C-alpha atoms as a PDB file:
ATOM      1  CA  MET A   1     -21.092   9.095 -13.720  1.00  0.00           C
ATOM      2  CA  LYS A   2     -17.575   7.113 -13.458  1.00  0.00           C
ATOM      3  CA  ASP A   3     -16.112  10.439 -13.441  1.00  0.00           C
ATOM      4  CA  LYS A   4     -18.288  11.377 -10.350  1.00  0.00           C
ATOM      5  CA  TYR A   5     -17.786   7.855  -8.530  1.00  0.00           C
ATOM      6  CA  PHE A   6     -13.822   8.656  -9.434  1.00  0.00           C
ATOM      7  CA  ASN A   7     -13.693  11.897  -8.151  1.00  0.00           C
ATOM      8  CA  PHE A   8     -15.338  11.667  -4.994  1.00  0.00           C
ATOM      9  CA  ALA A   9     -12.867   8.308  -4.064  1.00  0.00           C
ATOM     10  CA  ILE A  10     -10.055  10.869  -4.492  1.00  0.00           C
ATOM     11  CA  HIS A  11     -11.634  13.368  -2.612  1.00  0.00           C
ATOM     12  CA  LYS A  12     -12.355  10.936   0.409  1.00  0.00           C
ATOM     13  CA  TYR A  13      -9.395   9.754   0.392  1.00  0.00           C
ATOM     14  CA  ASN A  14      -7.409  12.818   0.491  1.00  0.00           C
ATOM     15  CA  LYS A  15      -9.782  13.990   3.630  1.00  0.00           C
ATOM     16  CA  MET A  16      -7.874  16.388   5.446  1.00  0.00           C
ATOM     17  CA  ASN A  17      -8.000  15.352   9.895  1.00  0.00           C
ATOM     18  CA  LYS A  18      -8.138  17.902  12.594  1.00  0.00           C
ATOM     19  CA  GLY A  19      -6.815  17.629  15.764  1.00  0.00           C
ATOM     20  CA  THR A  20      -4.719  18.983  18.212  1.00  0.00           C
ATOM     21  CA  VAL A  21      -0.497  18.984  18.842  1.00  0.00           C
ATOM     22  CA  LYS A  22      -0.422  17.035  22.051  1.00  0.00           C
ATOM     23  CA  PHE A  23       3.378  16.549  22.040  1.00  0.00           C
ATOM     24  CA  PHE A  24       6.174  17.804  19.607  1.00  0.00           C
ATOM     25  CA  ASN A  25       9.614  17.768  20.903  1.00  0.00           C
ATOM     26  CA  GLU A  26      11.316  20.219  18.288  1.00  0.00           C
ATOM     27  CA  THR A  27      14.590  18.652  19.281  1.00  0.00           C
ATOM     28  CA  LYS A  28      14.238  15.411  18.620  1.00  0.00           C
ATOM     29  CA  GLY A  29      11.956  16.270  15.633  1.00  0.00           C
ATOM     30  CA  PHE A  30       9.168  14.432  16.486  1.00  0.00           C
ATOM     31  CA  GLY A  31       5.624  14.582  18.110  1.00  0.00           C
ATOM     32  CA  PHE A  32       1.772  12.940  17.984  1.00  0.00           C
ATOM     33  CA  ILE A  33      -1.381  14.393  17.213  1.00  0.00           C
ATOM     34  CA  SER A  34      -4.747  13.782  19.043  1.00  0.00           C
ATOM     35  CA  GLU A  35      -7.492  13.504  16.057  1.00  0.00           C
ATOM     36  CA  ASP A  36     -10.491  15.789  16.913  1.00  0.00           C
ATOM     37  CA  GLU A  37     -13.406  13.685  15.735  1.00  0.00           C
ATOM     38  CA  SER A  38     -11.914  10.050  16.937  1.00  0.00           C
ATOM     39  CA  GLU A  39      -9.688  11.261  20.055  1.00  0.00           C
ATOM     40  CA  LYS A  40      -6.486   8.544  18.154  1.00  0.00           C
ATOM     41  CA  GLU A  41      -3.495  10.026  18.608  1.00  0.00           C
ATOM     42  CA  TYR A  42      -1.556   9.546  15.689  1.00  0.00           C
ATOM     43  CA  PHE A  43       2.282   9.888  15.846  1.00  0.00           C
ATOM     44  CA  VAL A  44       4.412  13.205  13.770  1.00  0.00           C
ATOM     45  CA  HIS A  45       7.534  13.716  12.210  1.00  0.00           C
ATOM     46  CA  VAL A  46       9.039  16.967  11.300  1.00  0.00           C
ATOM     47  CA  SER A  47       9.424  15.456   7.686  1.00  0.00           C
ATOM     48  CA  GLY A  48       5.823  15.779   7.520  1.00  0.00           C
ATOM     49  CA  LEU A  49       5.712  18.684   8.623  1.00  0.00           C
ATOM     50  CA  VAL A  50       3.923  21.838   6.538  1.00  0.00           C
ATOM     51  CA  ASP A  51       3.708  24.484   9.267  1.00  0.00           C
ATOM     52  CA  GLU A  52       6.112  24.883  12.243  1.00  0.00           C
ATOM     53  CA  ILE A  53       3.428  23.478  15.151  1.00  0.00           C
ATOM     54  CA  ARG A  54       3.739  23.745  18.818  1.00  0.00           C
ATOM     55  CA  GLU A  55       2.309  21.710  21.775  1.00  0.00           C
ATOM     56  CA  GLY A  56      -1.788  23.428  21.487  1.00  0.00           C
ATOM     57  CA  ASP A  57      -2.093  23.934  18.191  1.00  0.00           C
ATOM     58  CA  ASN A  58      -4.996  23.610  16.304  1.00  0.00           C
ATOM     59  CA  VAL A  59      -4.107  21.255  13.135  1.00  0.00           C
ATOM     60  CA  GLU A  60      -5.268  19.783  10.371  1.00  0.00           C
ATOM     61  CA  PHE A  61      -3.874  16.568   8.518  1.00  0.00           C
ATOM     62  CA  GLU A  62      -3.669  13.952   6.193  1.00  0.00           C
ATOM     63  CA  LEU A  63      -2.753  10.048   7.196  1.00  0.00           C
ATOM     64  CA  GLU A  64      -0.262   7.479   5.963  1.00  0.00           C
ATOM     65  CA  GLU A  65       0.556   4.608   6.428  1.00  0.00           C
ATOM     66  CA  GLY A  66       4.166   4.516   8.027  1.00  0.00           C
ATOM     67  CA  ARG A  67       6.495   1.279   9.627  1.00  0.00           C
ATOM     68  CA  LYS A  68       4.690   0.878  13.135  1.00  0.00           C
ATOM     69  CA  GLY A  69       1.272   2.375  12.011  1.00  0.00           C
ATOM     70  CA  LEU A  70      -0.541   5.335  10.511  1.00  0.00           C
ATOM     71  CA  ASN A  71       1.202   8.705  10.453  1.00  0.00           C
ATOM     72  CA  ALA A  72       0.193  12.831  10.388  1.00  0.00           C
ATOM     73  CA  VAL A  73       1.464  14.352   6.970  1.00  0.00           C
ATOM     74  CA  ASN A  74       1.020  17.546   5.483  1.00  0.00           C
ATOM     75  CA  VAL A  75       0.657  18.794   9.166  1.00  0.00           C
ATOM     76  CA  LYS A  76      -0.164  22.720   9.177  1.00  0.00           C
ATOM     77  CA  VAL A  77      -1.551  24.921  11.139  1.00  0.00           C
ATOM     78  CA  ALA A  78      -5.564  25.735  11.282  1.00  0.00           C
END
């Protein structure tokens, strides 16, 4: 029983969120993603990208605590 609970907790923590790239400046290397479910916006830095992204792309991402709040990381085009 412990193993099932433990696996569930990890899976939930590493949940992939879905959203849309609202803004991304390739020159400066940052932008914002709007989460589909909550419509919250999260900062994304080029260092958190798996794939190249553009404004309007549908993406999947994880959240990680940054210096000024949650950041989108492991961002890939959906």
